[in-house]
Amino acid sequence: MYQFSTTLTKDFETVVSQVTEELKKEGFGVLTEIDFQKTLKAKINKDMRPYKVLGACNPPLAAQALDIEPNVGLLLPCNVLVKEEEDNRVCVSFLDPMAMLGLVENTSDLEKFGQDVRGRLERVRDALT
């Protein structure tokens, strides 16, 4: 698996705000927010349910990873997907950093780092429920 998730019965924007706050508690800031619903409507007139990707970064952890493997920036930031389902529930999915770091040759040096990041993201997920 390349992700782990939770599903909530809250309003979409409330969930986005809650995810952002819980990420902050674990030292992450949201660097990017990609609103696919808005973008696809504007670019190709496609209607879809709310769907946002949050690019989260913890600067000390990012610096640590870059010190170990300079090209790991291709796999950063940590992405969190917030999407509204057909039944109006909101699913929050986290890209598993261990799966991403498996792409890197220097995996053994990054393993402890990846476990730390995954633990932080799992705490964010758990705090949402």
Protein backbone atom coordinates (compact mmCIF):
# COMPACT_ATOMS: atom_id res chain seq x y z
CA MET A 1 0.00 0.00 0.00
CA TYR A 2 1.15 3.49 -0.74
CA GLN A 3 -1.34 5.31 1.50
CA PHE A 4 -3.35 5.17 4.69
CA SER A 5 -6.59 7.00 5.36
CA THR A 6 -9.61 7.77 7.48
CA THR A 7 -13.15 8.79 6.58
CA LEU A 8 -15.12 11.46 8.46
CA THR A 9 -18.72 12.64 8.57
CA LYS A 10 -17.91 16.34 8.70
CA ASP A 11 -18.11 19.25 6.28
CA PHE A 12 -15.33 19.23 3.64
CA GLU A 13 -13.84 22.65 4.51
CA THR A 14 -14.02 21.83 8.22
CA VAL A 15 -11.97 18.70 7.54
CA VAL A 16 -9.41 20.65 5.47
CA SER A 17 -9.01 23.10 8.37
CA GLN A 18 -8.77 20.31 10.92
CA VAL A 19 -6.14 18.47 8.87
CA THR A 20 -4.11 21.68 8.56
CA GLU A 21 -4.27 22.26 12.33
CA GLU A 22 -3.32 18.69 13.19
CA LEU A 23 -0.40 18.82 10.74
CA LYS A 24 0.84 21.96 12.54
CA LYS A 25 0.83 20.08 15.84
CA GLU A 26 3.26 17.59 14.27
CA GLY A 27 5.52 20.33 12.90
CA PHE A 28 4.16 20.43 9.34
CA GLY A 29 3.04 23.46 7.40
CA VAL A 30 0.98 23.34 4.22
CA LEU A 31 3.16 24.65 1.39
CA THR A 32 0.72 23.96 -1.43
CA GLU A 33 -3.00 23.42 -1.81
CA ILE A 34 -4.21 22.07 -5.12
CA ASP A 35 -7.97 22.41 -5.56
CA PHE A 36 -8.78 19.91 -8.33
CA GLN A 37 -12.50 20.73 -8.22
CA LYS A 38 -11.83 24.40 -8.97
CA THR A 39 -8.97 23.80 -11.42
CA LEU A 40 -10.74 21.18 -13.55
CA LYS A 41 -13.89 23.30 -13.68
CA ALA A 42 -11.90 26.33 -14.87
CA LYS A 43 -9.66 24.45 -17.33
CA ILE A 44 -11.91 21.82 -18.89
CA ASN A 45 -15.38 22.62 -17.49
CA LYS A 46 -15.46 19.35 -15.54
CA ASP A 47 -17.69 19.17 -12.49
CA MET A 48 -16.50 17.05 -9.59
CA ARG A 49 -16.90 16.73 -5.84
CA PRO A 50 -14.51 18.70 -3.58
CA TYR A 51 -10.98 17.29 -3.92
CA LYS A 52 -7.84 18.96 -2.53
CA VAL A 53 -4.23 17.87 -2.26
CA LEU A 54 -2.29 19.49 0.57
CA GLY A 55 1.49 19.53 0.23
CA ALA A 56 2.77 19.37 3.81
CA CYS A 57 6.35 20.01 4.90
CA ASN A 58 8.19 19.72 8.19
CA PRO A 59 11.35 21.80 7.52
CA PRO A 60 13.68 20.06 10.02
CA LEU A 61 12.66 16.64 8.69
CA ALA A 62 12.98 17.81 5.07
CA ALA A 63 16.49 19.13 5.79
CA GLN A 64 17.43 15.81 7.41
CA ALA A 65 16.18 13.85 4.39
CA LEU A 66 18.00 16.16 1.96
CA ASP A 67 21.24 15.72 3.92
CA ILE A 68 20.92 11.95 3.53
CA GLU A 69 19.82 11.97 -0.11
CA PRO A 70 19.93 15.29 -2.03
CA ASN A 71 17.55 14.10 -4.77
CA VAL A 72 14.84 13.08 -2.28
CA GLY A 73 13.32 16.51 -2.95
CA LEU A 74 11.60 14.82 -5.89
CA LEU A 75 9.49 12.95 -3.33
CA LEU A 76 8.70 15.96 -1.12
CA PRO A 77 6.48 17.40 0.27
CA CYS A 78 4.27 14.87 2.03
CA ASN A 79 0.93 14.85 0.23
CA VAL A 80 -2.41 14.64 2.00
CA LEU A 81 -5.56 14.15 -0.07
CA VAL A 82 -8.91 15.41 1.18
CA LYS A 83 -11.86 14.36 -0.99
CA GLU A 84 -15.60 14.29 -0.63
CA GLU A 85 -17.18 10.91 -1.35
CA GLU A 86 -20.53 10.22 -3.03
CA ASP A 87 -22.21 9.81 0.37
CA ASN A 88 -20.89 13.26 1.45
CA ARG A 89 -18.40 11.71 3.86
CA VAL A 90 -14.88 13.11 3.60
CA CYS A 91 -11.90 10.81 3.09
CA VAL A 92 -8.44 11.97 4.19
CA SER A 93 -5.57 9.97 2.69
CA PHE A 94 -1.88 10.26 3.50
CA LEU A 95 0.88 9.23 1.13
CA ASP A 96 2.96 6.66 3.03
CA PRO A 97 6.50 8.06 3.24
CA MET A 98 7.89 4.53 3.62
CA ALA A 99 6.43 3.58 0.24
CA MET A 100 7.92 6.69 -1.38
CA LEU A 101 11.33 6.20 0.22
CA GLY A 102 11.35 2.66 -1.15
CA LEU A 103 12.07 4.29 -4.51
CA VAL A 104 15.39 5.62 -3.22
CA GLU A 105 18.61 3.56 -3.37
CA ASN A 106 19.76 4.97 -0.01
CA THR A 107 16.74 3.42 1.72
CA SER A 108 18.52 2.04 4.78
CA ASP A 109 19.76 5.50 5.79
CA LEU A 110 16.31 6.96 5.24
CA GLU A 111 14.35 4.21 7.02
CA LYS A 112 14.43 5.77 10.51
CA PHE A 113 13.54 9.13 8.98
CA GLY A 114 10.60 7.59 7.08
CA GLN A 115 9.32 5.83 10.18
CA ASP A 116 9.37 9.13 12.09
CA VAL A 117 7.43 10.92 9.34
CA ARG A 118 4.92 8.08 9.03
CA GLY A 119 4.38 8.10 12.81
CA ARG A 120 3.66 11.82 12.75
CA LEU A 121 1.21 11.46 9.86
CA GLU A 122 -0.51 8.53 11.58
CA ARG A 123 -0.97 10.72 14.67
CA VAL A 124 -2.58 13.37 12.45
CA ARG A 125 -4.92 10.72 11.01
CA ASP A 126 -5.78 9.39 14.46
CA ALA A 127 -6.47 12.90 15.80
CA LEU A 128 -9.05 13.46 13.07
CA THR A 129 -11.33 10.68 14.30
